Amino acid sequence: MRIVFCGTAEFAVPSLRACHERHAVVAAVTQPDRPGSRGRPAPRPVADVARLLGIPVLQPRRIRRPEAVAEVLALGADALVVAAYGQIIPEALLAGHRFGGINVHASLLPRWRGAAPVARAILAGDRVTGVCIMRMDAGLDTGPVYARRELPISDTATAAALGAELAAAGAEELIEVLAALEGGMAHAVPQPAQGVTLAPRLTREDGLLDWSARSAVEVDRMVRALNPWPGVTAPLAGLAVRLLAGGLPDGGRGQGPERATPGSVVRVAGEAALVAAAAGLYSVASVQPPGRRPMSAAAFLRGRR
């Protein structure tokens, strides 16, 4: 099968590699380069891997522009495979391929339609998530589903680790769906009308923590879900710092003194600091002050004193 692959983020890389191993990937369409930290280009994992594999890379600023649509259609591919691309695919491209658009989505649709399903699932405290292979239509992740696989979400799952698991599972399911499409055996099931939730793109504001408005359990979910982007920023000992890692003490219950002022350091335990939230305690393991390197919470507090 001839495939045009649309993807940008690390989540898409396993699917790109799997398609390259079994099919002819005639081009990889990815987001344009943009500045990153310290003047270096921001990471573009799909573009980097595609170039290593010898796959031509296209980086249209807007995939919906007529000239971009014409360039992709001129490749004569059978299918358009999409995974963590970052732009809405126009209907002209979906209709212009024999097998249409096939999307690898990191949730159990219709739950968490949108750009940030992994982080939103952790933030919500979901116990299970998964990956769906969907036939794309004009809506936002509303198309019928060819295949789905469930994965549990552990109490310590981070967005990065869970995303990697889902990416690997998605690549495996994708290859089976492509084989079924070639053999005329694929069947897509419409999504149910009930249970729809949205997973909008994360912003910097999502990572601003108010200790008085969040329980320790919610703080723990934020730190696990929002690193590395947008990160969790919170006041600690009079300075706004990034919370890089931590967890719930007391066997994961996050219990603590009822009258402790939210945001106050209740005590230091080893290199961690136990901080009062609206309910319970959160154990801050490591932080990054502005303009400085990551350090343990205890080291940071020693410096503040």
Protein backbone atom coordinates (compact mmCIF):
# COMPACT_ATOMS: atom_id res chain seq x y z
CA MET A 1 0.00 0.00 0.00
CA ARG A 2 1.19 3.53 -0.79
CA ILE A 3 0.83 5.76 2.27
CA VAL A 4 1.13 9.45 3.01
CA PHE A 5 1.89 9.75 6.72
CA CYS A 6 0.83 12.90 8.63
CA GLY A 7 2.36 13.31 12.08
CA THR A 8 4.56 15.55 14.18
CA ALA A 9 4.94 14.47 17.81
CA GLU A 10 6.83 11.54 19.35
CA PHE A 11 3.55 9.61 19.70
CA ALA A 12 3.45 9.21 15.91
CA VAL A 13 6.94 7.75 15.49
CA PRO A 14 6.12 4.05 16.19
CA SER A 15 3.28 4.21 13.66
CA LEU A 16 5.56 5.82 11.06
CA ARG A 17 8.20 3.14 11.56
CA ALA A 18 5.61 0.36 11.36
CA CYS A 19 4.19 1.76 8.12
CA HIS A 20 7.68 2.10 6.64
CA GLU A 21 8.52 -1.53 7.46
CA ARG A 22 5.43 -2.97 5.74
CA HIS A 23 4.30 -0.42 3.18
CA ALA A 24 5.57 2.29 0.84
CA VAL A 25 5.48 5.60 2.71
CA VAL A 26 5.71 8.07 -0.16
CA ALA A 27 5.89 11.18 2.06
CA ALA A 28 5.77 12.31 5.67
CA VAL A 29 3.73 15.47 6.21
CA THR A 30 4.67 17.26 9.43
CA GLN A 31 4.42 20.66 11.07
CA PRO A 32 6.83 23.41 9.93
CA ASP A 33 9.96 23.99 11.96
CA ARG A 34 9.72 26.62 14.68
CA PRO A 35 12.17 28.10 17.22
CA GLY A 36 12.70 26.16 20.42
CA SER A 37 14.72 26.90 23.55
CA ARG A 38 17.92 28.92 23.28
CA GLY A 39 17.47 29.56 19.58
CA ARG A 40 17.54 25.90 18.57
CA PRO A 41 14.72 24.48 16.42
CA ALA A 42 11.92 22.83 18.38
CA PRO A 43 11.93 19.03 18.16
CA ARG A 44 10.12 17.53 15.18
CA PRO A 45 10.36 13.76 15.88
CA VAL A 46 8.46 12.59 12.79
CA ALA A 47 10.50 14.79 10.46
CA ASP A 48 13.77 13.60 12.00
CA VAL A 49 12.85 9.91 11.77
CA ALA A 50 11.44 10.27 8.26
CA ARG A 51 14.70 11.78 7.02
CA LEU A 52 16.67 8.96 8.65
CA LEU A 53 14.46 6.44 6.83
CA GLY A 54 14.82 8.24 3.51
CA ILE A 55 11.18 9.34 3.37
CA PRO A 56 10.50 12.70 1.67
CA VAL A 57 9.30 15.32 4.18
CA LEU A 58 6.63 17.92 3.44
CA GLN A 59 6.05 20.79 5.89
CA PRO A 60 3.15 22.94 4.65
CA ARG A 61 2.27 25.84 6.91
CA ARG A 62 -1.43 25.09 6.38
CA ILE A 63 -2.44 21.66 5.12
CA ARG A 64 -5.83 23.08 4.11
CA ARG A 65 -4.38 25.42 1.46
CA PRO A 66 -5.18 24.34 -2.11
CA GLU A 67 -1.52 24.09 -3.10
CA ALA A 68 -0.78 21.79 -0.13
CA VAL A 69 -3.79 19.60 -0.91
CA ALA A 70 -2.75 19.35 -4.57
CA GLU A 71 0.83 18.41 -3.62
CA VAL A 72 -0.33 15.57 -1.39
CA LEU A 73 -2.91 14.25 -3.86
CA ALA A 74 -0.31 14.27 -6.64
CA LEU A 75 1.61 11.58 -4.72
CA GLY A 76 -1.04 9.03 -5.68
CA ALA A 77 -1.21 7.30 -2.30
CA ASP A 78 -3.84 4.74 -1.31
CA ALA A 79 -4.28 5.97 2.25
CA LEU A 80 -3.61 8.94 4.47
CA VAL A 81 -2.41 7.83 7.92
CA VAL A 82 -2.61 10.49 10.64
CA ALA A 83 -1.15 10.40 14.16
CA ALA A 84 -0.55 13.44 16.40
CA TYR A 85 -0.20 15.77 13.43
CA GLY A 86 -1.54 19.00 14.91
CA GLN A 87 -3.69 20.33 12.05
CA ILE A 88 -7.21 19.56 10.85
CA ILE A 89 -7.12 17.43 7.69
CA PRO A 90 -9.36 18.88 4.93
CA GLU A 91 -12.14 16.77 3.46
CA ALA A 92 -10.53 16.97 0.03
CA LEU A 93 -7.60 14.89 1.29
CA LEU A 94 -9.85 12.38 3.05
CA ALA A 95 -11.92 11.89 -0.09
CA GLY A 96 -8.90 11.88 -2.39
CA HIS A 97 -7.45 8.56 -1.17
CA ARG A 98 -8.87 5.12 -1.89
CA PHE A 99 -8.89 4.11 1.79
CA GLY A 100 -9.49 7.63 3.08
CA GLY A 101 -7.88 8.97 6.26
CA ILE A 102 -6.93 6.58 9.06
CA ASN A 103 -6.22 8.14 12.45
CA VAL A 104 -4.32 6.71 15.43
CA HIS A 105 -5.94 8.33 18.49
CA ALA A 106 -4.77 7.91 22.10
CA SER A 107 -8.10 7.40 23.88
CA LEU A 108 -11.14 5.16 23.97
CA LEU A 109 -13.41 7.21 21.75
CA PRO A 110 -15.76 8.96 22.17
CA ARG A 111 -14.05 9.81 25.46
CA TRP A 112 -11.34 12.48 25.08
CA ARG A 113 -11.76 13.70 21.55
CA GLY A 114 -9.16 16.34 20.80
CA ALA A 115 -5.49 17.26 21.03
CA ALA A 116 -4.51 16.20 24.58
CA PRO A 117 -6.26 12.90 25.41
CA VAL A 118 -3.43 11.36 27.47
CA ALA A 119 -3.00 14.32 29.81
CA ARG A 120 -6.75 14.82 30.17
CA ALA A 121 -7.27 11.19 31.12
CA ILE A 122 -4.67 11.43 33.90
CA LEU A 123 -6.03 14.77 35.12
CA ALA A 124 -9.52 13.28 35.34
CA GLY A 125 -8.32 10.29 37.36
CA ASP A 126 -9.38 7.75 34.72
CA ARG A 127 -8.45 4.18 35.62
CA VAL A 128 -8.34 2.97 32.02
CA THR A 129 -7.60 4.47 28.63
CA GLY A 130 -6.60 3.06 25.28
CA VAL A 131 -6.01 3.66 21.61
CA CYS A 132 -8.42 3.71 18.67
CA ILE A 133 -7.82 3.37 14.94
CA MET A 134 -10.50 5.54 13.36
CA ARG A 135 -11.72 6.31 9.87
CA MET A 136 -11.55 10.08 9.66
CA ASP A 137 -14.47 12.30 8.74
CA ALA A 138 -15.15 16.04 8.80
CA GLY A 139 -15.66 16.16 12.59
CA LEU A 140 -13.15 16.29 15.44
CA ASP A 141 -12.34 12.63 16.15
CA THR A 142 -15.94 11.67 15.37
CA GLY A 143 -15.39 9.00 12.72
CA PRO A 144 -16.19 5.28 13.04
CA VAL A 145 -13.62 3.06 14.75
CA TYR A 146 -11.86 0.14 13.09
CA ALA A 147 -10.03 -1.14 16.17
CA ARG A 148 -9.50 -0.30 19.84
CA ARG A 149 -7.26 -1.55 22.63
CA GLU A 150 -7.60 -0.78 26.33
CA LEU A 151 -4.69 -0.03 28.68
CA PRO A 152 -4.84 0.54 32.45
CA ILE A 153 -3.66 3.82 33.99
CA SER A 154 -1.58 3.19 37.10
CA ASP A 155 -1.51 5.50 40.12
CA THR A 156 1.99 6.64 39.12
CA ALA A 157 1.50 6.93 35.35
CA THR A 158 3.01 10.00 33.70
CA ALA A 159 1.87 11.46 30.40
CA ALA A 160 5.22 10.60 28.81
CA ALA A 161 5.27 6.97 29.92
CA LEU A 162 1.59 6.34 29.22
CA GLY A 163 1.88 8.07 25.86
CA ALA A 164 4.75 5.77 24.89
CA GLU A 165 2.68 2.69 25.78
CA LEU A 166 -0.26 3.95 23.76
CA ALA A 167 1.98 4.82 20.81
CA ALA A 168 3.35 1.28 20.66
CA ALA A 169 -0.13 -0.24 20.97
CA GLY A 170 -1.47 2.14 18.33
CA ALA A 171 1.22 1.13 15.84
CA GLU A 172 0.36 -2.54 16.28
CA GLU A 173 -3.37 -1.95 15.83
CA LEU A 174 -2.73 0.31 12.82
CA ILE A 175 -0.82 -2.38 10.93
CA GLU A 176 -3.63 -4.87 11.47
CA VAL A 177 -6.20 -2.36 10.22
CA LEU A 178 -4.16 -1.57 7.10
CA ALA A 179 -3.89 -5.28 6.33
CA ALA A 180 -7.65 -5.67 6.77
CA LEU A 181 -8.28 -2.72 4.45
CA GLU A 182 -6.08 -4.24 1.75
CA GLY A 183 -7.90 -7.54 2.12
CA GLY A 184 -11.33 -5.95 2.04
CA MET A 185 -12.05 -7.21 5.56
CA ALA A 186 -11.99 -3.94 7.57
CA HIS A 187 -15.17 -2.84 9.32
CA ALA A 188 -15.57 0.48 11.15
CA VAL A 189 -18.11 0.81 13.96
CA PRO A 190 -19.80 4.19 14.57
CA GLN A 191 -19.00 5.83 17.89
CA PRO A 192 -21.78 5.87 20.48
CA ALA A 193 -23.57 9.16 21.07
CA GLN A 194 -23.15 8.83 24.84
CA GLY A 195 -19.94 9.38 26.80
CA VAL A 196 -18.43 12.15 24.66
CA THR A 197 -15.76 14.26 26.39
CA LEU A 198 -13.31 16.74 24.88
CA ALA A 199 -9.55 16.99 25.36
CA PRO A 200 -8.60 20.53 24.28
CA ARG A 201 -5.02 21.54 23.65
CA LEU A 202 -3.03 22.31 26.82
CA THR A 203 -2.05 25.89 27.59
CA ARG A 204 0.38 27.47 30.05
CA GLU A 205 -2.58 28.42 32.24
CA ASP A 206 -3.39 24.73 32.72
CA GLY A 207 -0.11 24.36 34.60
CA LEU A 208 -0.61 27.19 37.11
CA LEU A 209 -1.20 25.63 40.51
CA ASP A 210 -3.14 27.27 43.33
CA TRP A 211 -2.49 25.15 46.42
CA SER A 212 -5.73 26.36 48.04
CA ALA A 213 -7.84 25.21 45.08
CA ARG A 214 -6.45 21.69 44.60
CA SER A 215 -6.35 18.60 46.78
CA ALA A 216 -3.12 16.64 47.09
CA VAL A 217 -4.58 13.99 44.79
CA GLU A 218 -5.30 16.64 42.14
CA VAL A 219 -1.81 18.13 42.49
CA ASP A 220 -0.33 14.68 41.95
CA ARG A 221 -2.38 14.23 38.79
CA MET A 222 -1.26 17.63 37.50
CA VAL A 223 2.43 16.90 37.99
CA ARG A 224 2.13 13.52 36.29
CA ALA A 225 -0.03 14.79 33.44
CA LEU A 226 1.52 18.15 32.57
CA ASN A 227 5.26 17.44 32.43
CA PRO A 228 7.09 18.30 30.28
CA TRP A 229 4.45 20.61 28.75
CA PRO A 230 3.20 22.98 29.99
CA GLY A 231 4.70 21.97 33.32
CA VAL A 232 3.29 22.76 36.75
CA THR A 233 4.27 26.10 38.29
CA ALA A 234 3.47 26.72 41.94
CA PRO A 235 4.57 29.04 44.77
CA LEU A 236 6.96 27.39 47.19
CA ALA A 237 8.71 29.23 50.02
CA GLY A 238 7.87 32.55 48.43
CA LEU A 239 9.02 31.77 44.89
CA ALA A 240 7.19 30.38 41.85
CA VAL A 241 8.96 27.18 40.80
CA ARG A 242 8.26 24.28 38.46
CA LEU A 243 7.26 21.08 40.20
CA LEU A 244 9.10 18.34 38.32
CA ALA A 245 8.31 15.25 40.36
CA GLY A 246 6.63 14.15 43.54
CA GLY A 247 3.91 11.91 44.86
CA LEU A 248 1.39 11.19 47.58
CA PRO A 249 2.68 10.24 51.03
CA ASP A 250 0.83 7.96 53.47
CA GLY A 251 0.45 5.13 51.02
CA GLY A 252 -0.91 7.33 48.28
CA ARG A 253 -3.70 8.94 50.28
CA GLY A 254 -2.06 12.35 50.60
CA GLN A 255 -3.48 12.82 54.10
CA GLY A 256 -2.10 15.49 56.41
CA PRO A 257 -2.80 18.10 59.06
CA GLU A 258 -6.28 19.53 58.59
CA ARG A 259 -5.34 23.08 59.64
CA ALA A 260 -2.14 23.51 57.64
CA THR A 261 -2.20 26.58 55.38
CA PRO A 262 -2.33 25.51 51.71
CA GLY A 263 1.06 26.05 50.10
CA SER A 264 2.97 25.86 53.38
CA VAL A 265 5.79 23.38 53.91
CA VAL A 266 4.65 21.10 56.71
CA ARG A 267 7.92 19.24 57.02
CA VAL A 268 10.95 18.00 55.11
CA ALA A 269 11.36 14.25 54.71
CA GLY A 270 14.78 13.38 53.32
CA GLU A 271 15.17 15.41 50.14
CA ALA A 272 11.42 15.88 49.66
CA ALA A 273 9.13 18.58 51.05
CA LEU A 274 5.61 17.82 52.22
CA VAL A 275 3.38 20.72 51.21
CA ALA A 276 -0.18 21.31 52.33
CA ALA A 277 -2.83 21.38 49.62
CA ALA A 278 -6.51 22.25 49.97
CA ALA A 279 -6.92 18.72 51.28
CA GLY A 280 -3.99 16.53 52.30
CA LEU A 281 -0.26 16.73 51.71
CA TYR A 282 1.72 16.50 48.50
CA SER A 283 5.36 15.36 48.63
CA VAL A 284 7.43 17.57 46.31
CA ALA A 285 10.52 15.62 45.23
CA SER A 286 12.23 17.93 42.74
CA VAL A 287 11.76 21.48 41.51
CA GLN A 288 13.29 23.91 39.06
CA PRO A 289 13.55 27.56 40.17
CA PRO A 290 13.52 30.24 37.45
CA GLY A 291 16.80 30.36 35.57
CA ARG A 292 18.33 27.46 37.54
CA ARG A 293 18.83 23.75 37.16
CA PRO A 294 16.53 21.11 38.65
CA MET A 295 17.20 20.27 42.28
CA SER A 296 15.62 18.43 45.17
CA ALA A 297 12.94 20.25 47.09
CA ALA A 298 15.03 20.09 50.27
CA ALA A 299 18.04 21.66 48.50
CA PHE A 300 15.81 24.44 47.22
CA LEU A 301 14.45 25.14 50.71
CA ARG A 302 17.94 25.21 52.21
CA GLY A 303 18.87 27.85 49.66
CA ARG A 304 15.80 29.91 50.46
CA ARG A 305 16.64 29.98 54.17
